């Protein structure tokens, strides 16, 4: 495994930790609102406490490595020239393009599995009897995962 691959794995790990923590917090928040009939109260925040604990544990290593992330961010900012472009590259998982590292291409079989699984999952979600807000969140997450898998 080369240094470039380790760097890509490192940045993917950072993105996974941030996004999984945000998704979990959002899920607990929506669940708390549904329990209280969509009226915001202090008990909704209390219901989010397990998600806060998870986020603290998951985001701890990111805080410890903040100098390394700052160095990578400055390097990416010098390459791209725009903070918005750097944010979008990081958000969509385009770390290879961000740092100028070539990423291997996927075969047609992998492309077919990615697209078919997305269509089946989104179709199943729309057909199921879940609340509309939860369906919307799941479809947005699935679309995000599709974009990340296509671009990585």
Protein backbone atom coordinates (compact mmCIF):
# COMPACT_ATOMS: atom_id res chain seq x y z
CA UNK A 1 0.00 0.00 0.00
CA UNK A 2 1.48 3.31 -1.06
CA UNK A 3 1.46 6.60 0.79
CA UNK A 4 -1.15 7.96 -1.62
CA UNK A 5 -3.52 5.09 -0.85
CA UNK A 6 -3.01 5.59 2.88
CA UNK A 7 -3.74 9.29 2.46
CA UNK A 8 -6.95 8.51 0.57
CA UNK A 9 -8.00 6.00 3.26
CA UNK A 10 -7.22 8.58 5.94
CA UNK A 11 -9.38 11.24 4.27
CA UNK A 12 -12.21 8.76 3.61
CA UNK A 13 -12.12 7.82 7.29
CA UNK A 14 -12.42 11.48 8.26
CA UNK A 15 -15.39 11.99 5.93
CA UNK A 16 -17.06 8.81 7.20
CA UNK A 17 -16.73 9.93 10.80
CA UNK A 18 -18.23 13.38 10.15
CA UNK A 19 -21.09 12.20 7.98
CA UNK A 20 -22.02 9.20 10.15
CA UNK A 21 -22.14 11.44 13.22
CA UNK A 22 -24.31 14.01 11.45
CA UNK A 23 -26.68 11.36 10.07
CA UNK A 24 -27.06 9.77 13.49
CA UNK A 25 -27.74 13.13 15.14
CA UNK A 26 -30.29 13.97 12.45
CA UNK A 27 -31.98 10.58 12.84
CA UNK A 28 -32.25 10.91 16.62
CA UNK A 29 -33.56 14.48 16.21
CA UNK A 30 -36.27 13.42 13.75
CA UNK A 31 -37.17 10.45 15.95
CA UNK A 32 -37.44 12.72 18.98
CA UNK A 33 -39.65 15.14 17.07
CA UNK A 34 -41.93 12.31 15.93
CA UNK A 35 -42.30 11.10 19.53
CA UNK A 36 -43.43 14.60 20.57
CA UNK A 37 -45.75 15.11 17.57
CA UNK A 38 -43.34 17.54 15.89
CA UNK A 39 -43.26 20.00 18.81
CA UNK A 40 -39.75 21.01 19.81
CA UNK A 41 -39.02 20.66 23.51
CA UNK A 42 -36.08 19.99 25.80
CA UNK A 43 -36.94 16.28 25.87
CA UNK A 44 -36.05 16.07 22.16
CA UNK A 45 -32.51 17.15 23.06
CA UNK A 46 -32.45 14.62 25.90
CA UNK A 47 -33.40 11.90 23.43
CA UNK A 48 -30.39 12.81 21.31
CA UNK A 49 -27.92 12.13 24.16
CA UNK A 50 -26.82 8.66 22.86
CA UNK A 51 -26.08 10.23 19.47
CA UNK A 52 -24.00 12.95 21.16
CA UNK A 53 -21.98 10.27 22.96
CA UNK A 54 -21.43 8.39 19.70
CA UNK A 55 -20.34 11.61 17.99
CA UNK A 56 -17.86 12.41 20.75
CA UNK A 57 -16.28 8.97 20.42
CA UNK A 58 -16.24 9.04 16.61
CA UNK A 59 -14.92 12.60 16.29
CA UNK A 60 -12.21 12.24 18.96
CA UNK A 61 -9.52 10.99 16.54
CA UNK A 62 -10.28 13.87 14.18
CA UNK A 63 -9.59 16.35 16.96
CA UNK A 64 -6.31 14.60 17.79
CA UNK A 65 -5.15 14.79 14.15
CA UNK A 66 -6.26 18.35 13.51
CA UNK A 67 -2.76 19.58 12.54
CA UNK A 68 -2.49 16.92 9.85
CA UNK A 69 -5.95 17.81 8.52
CA UNK A 70 -4.98 21.49 8.47
CA UNK A 71 -1.85 20.66 6.46
CA UNK A 72 -3.88 18.59 3.96
CA UNK A 73 -6.50 21.35 3.72
CA UNK A 74 -3.88 24.02 2.97
CA UNK A 75 -2.29 21.81 0.33
CA UNK A 76 -5.70 21.21 -1.28
CA UNK A 77 -6.49 24.92 -1.10
CA UNK A 78 -3.26 25.71 -2.94
CA UNK A 79 -4.11 23.15 -5.64
CA UNK A 80 -7.80 24.13 -6.07
CA UNK A 81 -7.70 27.81 -5.20
CA UNK A 82 -11.25 27.97 -3.81
CA UNK A 83 -12.64 27.06 -0.38
CA UNK A 84 -15.99 26.10 -1.89
CA UNK A 85 -14.34 23.74 -4.37
CA UNK A 86 -12.29 22.12 -1.59
CA UNK A 87 -15.42 21.67 0.56
CA UNK A 88 -17.37 20.07 -2.28
CA UNK A 89 -14.48 17.74 -3.17
CA UNK A 90 -14.22 16.61 0.46
CA UNK A 91 -18.00 16.30 0.86
CA UNK A 92 -18.44 14.15 -2.24
CA UNK A 93 -15.35 12.06 -1.50
CA UNK A 94 -13.26 13.24 -4.43
CA UNK A 95 -10.03 13.10 -2.48
CA UNK A 96 -8.08 11.78 -5.44
CA UNK A 97 -9.04 14.74 -7.58
CA UNK A 98 -8.51 17.07 -4.64
CA UNK A 99 -4.87 16.07 -4.15
CA UNK A 100 -4.06 15.07 -7.74
CA UNK A 101 -3.99 11.31 -7.11
CA UNK A 102 -5.18 8.98 -9.88
CA UNK A 103 -7.99 6.66 -8.80
CA UNK A 104 -8.50 3.30 -10.51
CA UNK A 105 -11.55 2.95 -12.74
CA UNK A 106 -14.42 0.58 -12.02
CA UNK A 107 -15.42 -2.27 -14.31
CA UNK A 108 -18.80 -2.39 -16.05
CA UNK A 109 -19.94 -5.09 -13.62
CA UNK A 110 -19.29 -2.83 -10.61
CA UNK A 111 -21.09 0.04 -12.34
CA UNK A 112 -24.11 -2.18 -12.97
CA UNK A 113 -24.23 -3.37 -9.34
CA UNK A 114 -23.98 0.19 -8.02
CA UNK A 115 -26.76 1.55 -10.23
CA UNK A 116 -29.11 -1.44 -9.83
CA UNK A 117 -28.71 -1.48 -6.06
CA UNK A 118 -29.48 2.26 -5.95
CA UNK A 119 -32.64 1.85 -8.05
CA UNK A 120 -33.86 -1.14 -5.99
CA UNK A 121 -33.15 0.55 -2.66
CA UNK A 122 -34.79 3.86 -3.56
CA UNK A 123 -37.79 2.04 -5.09
CA UNK A 124 -38.20 -0.06 -1.96
CA UNK A 125 -37.97 3.04 0.24
CA UNK A 126 -40.63 4.89 -1.73
CA UNK A 127 -42.98 1.85 -1.64
CA UNK A 128 -42.59 1.24 2.12
CA UNK A 129 -44.90 2.61 4.78
CA UNK A 130 -42.54 4.99 6.54
CA UNK A 131 -43.10 8.63 7.45
CA UNK A 132 -42.41 11.03 4.58
CA UNK A 133 -39.56 12.77 6.42
CA UNK A 134 -37.78 9.48 7.00
CA UNK A 135 -38.26 8.47 3.35
CA UNK A 136 -36.80 11.80 2.26
CA UNK A 137 -33.75 11.41 4.52
CA UNK A 138 -33.13 7.85 3.28
CA UNK A 139 -33.41 8.84 -0.39
CA UNK A 140 -31.03 11.78 0.14
CA UNK A 141 -28.51 9.49 1.88
CA UNK A 142 -28.82 6.87 -0.88
CA UNK A 143 -28.32 9.52 -3.56
CA UNK A 144 -25.29 10.86 -1.70
CA UNK A 145 -23.84 7.34 -1.46
CA UNK A 146 -24.42 6.85 -5.21
CA UNK A 147 -22.56 10.06 -6.02
CA UNK A 148 -19.68 9.11 -3.73
CA UNK A 149 -19.38 5.62 -5.20
CA UNK A 150 -19.45 6.98 -8.75
CA UNK A 151 -16.82 9.62 -8.06
CA UNK A 152 -14.42 7.55 -5.98
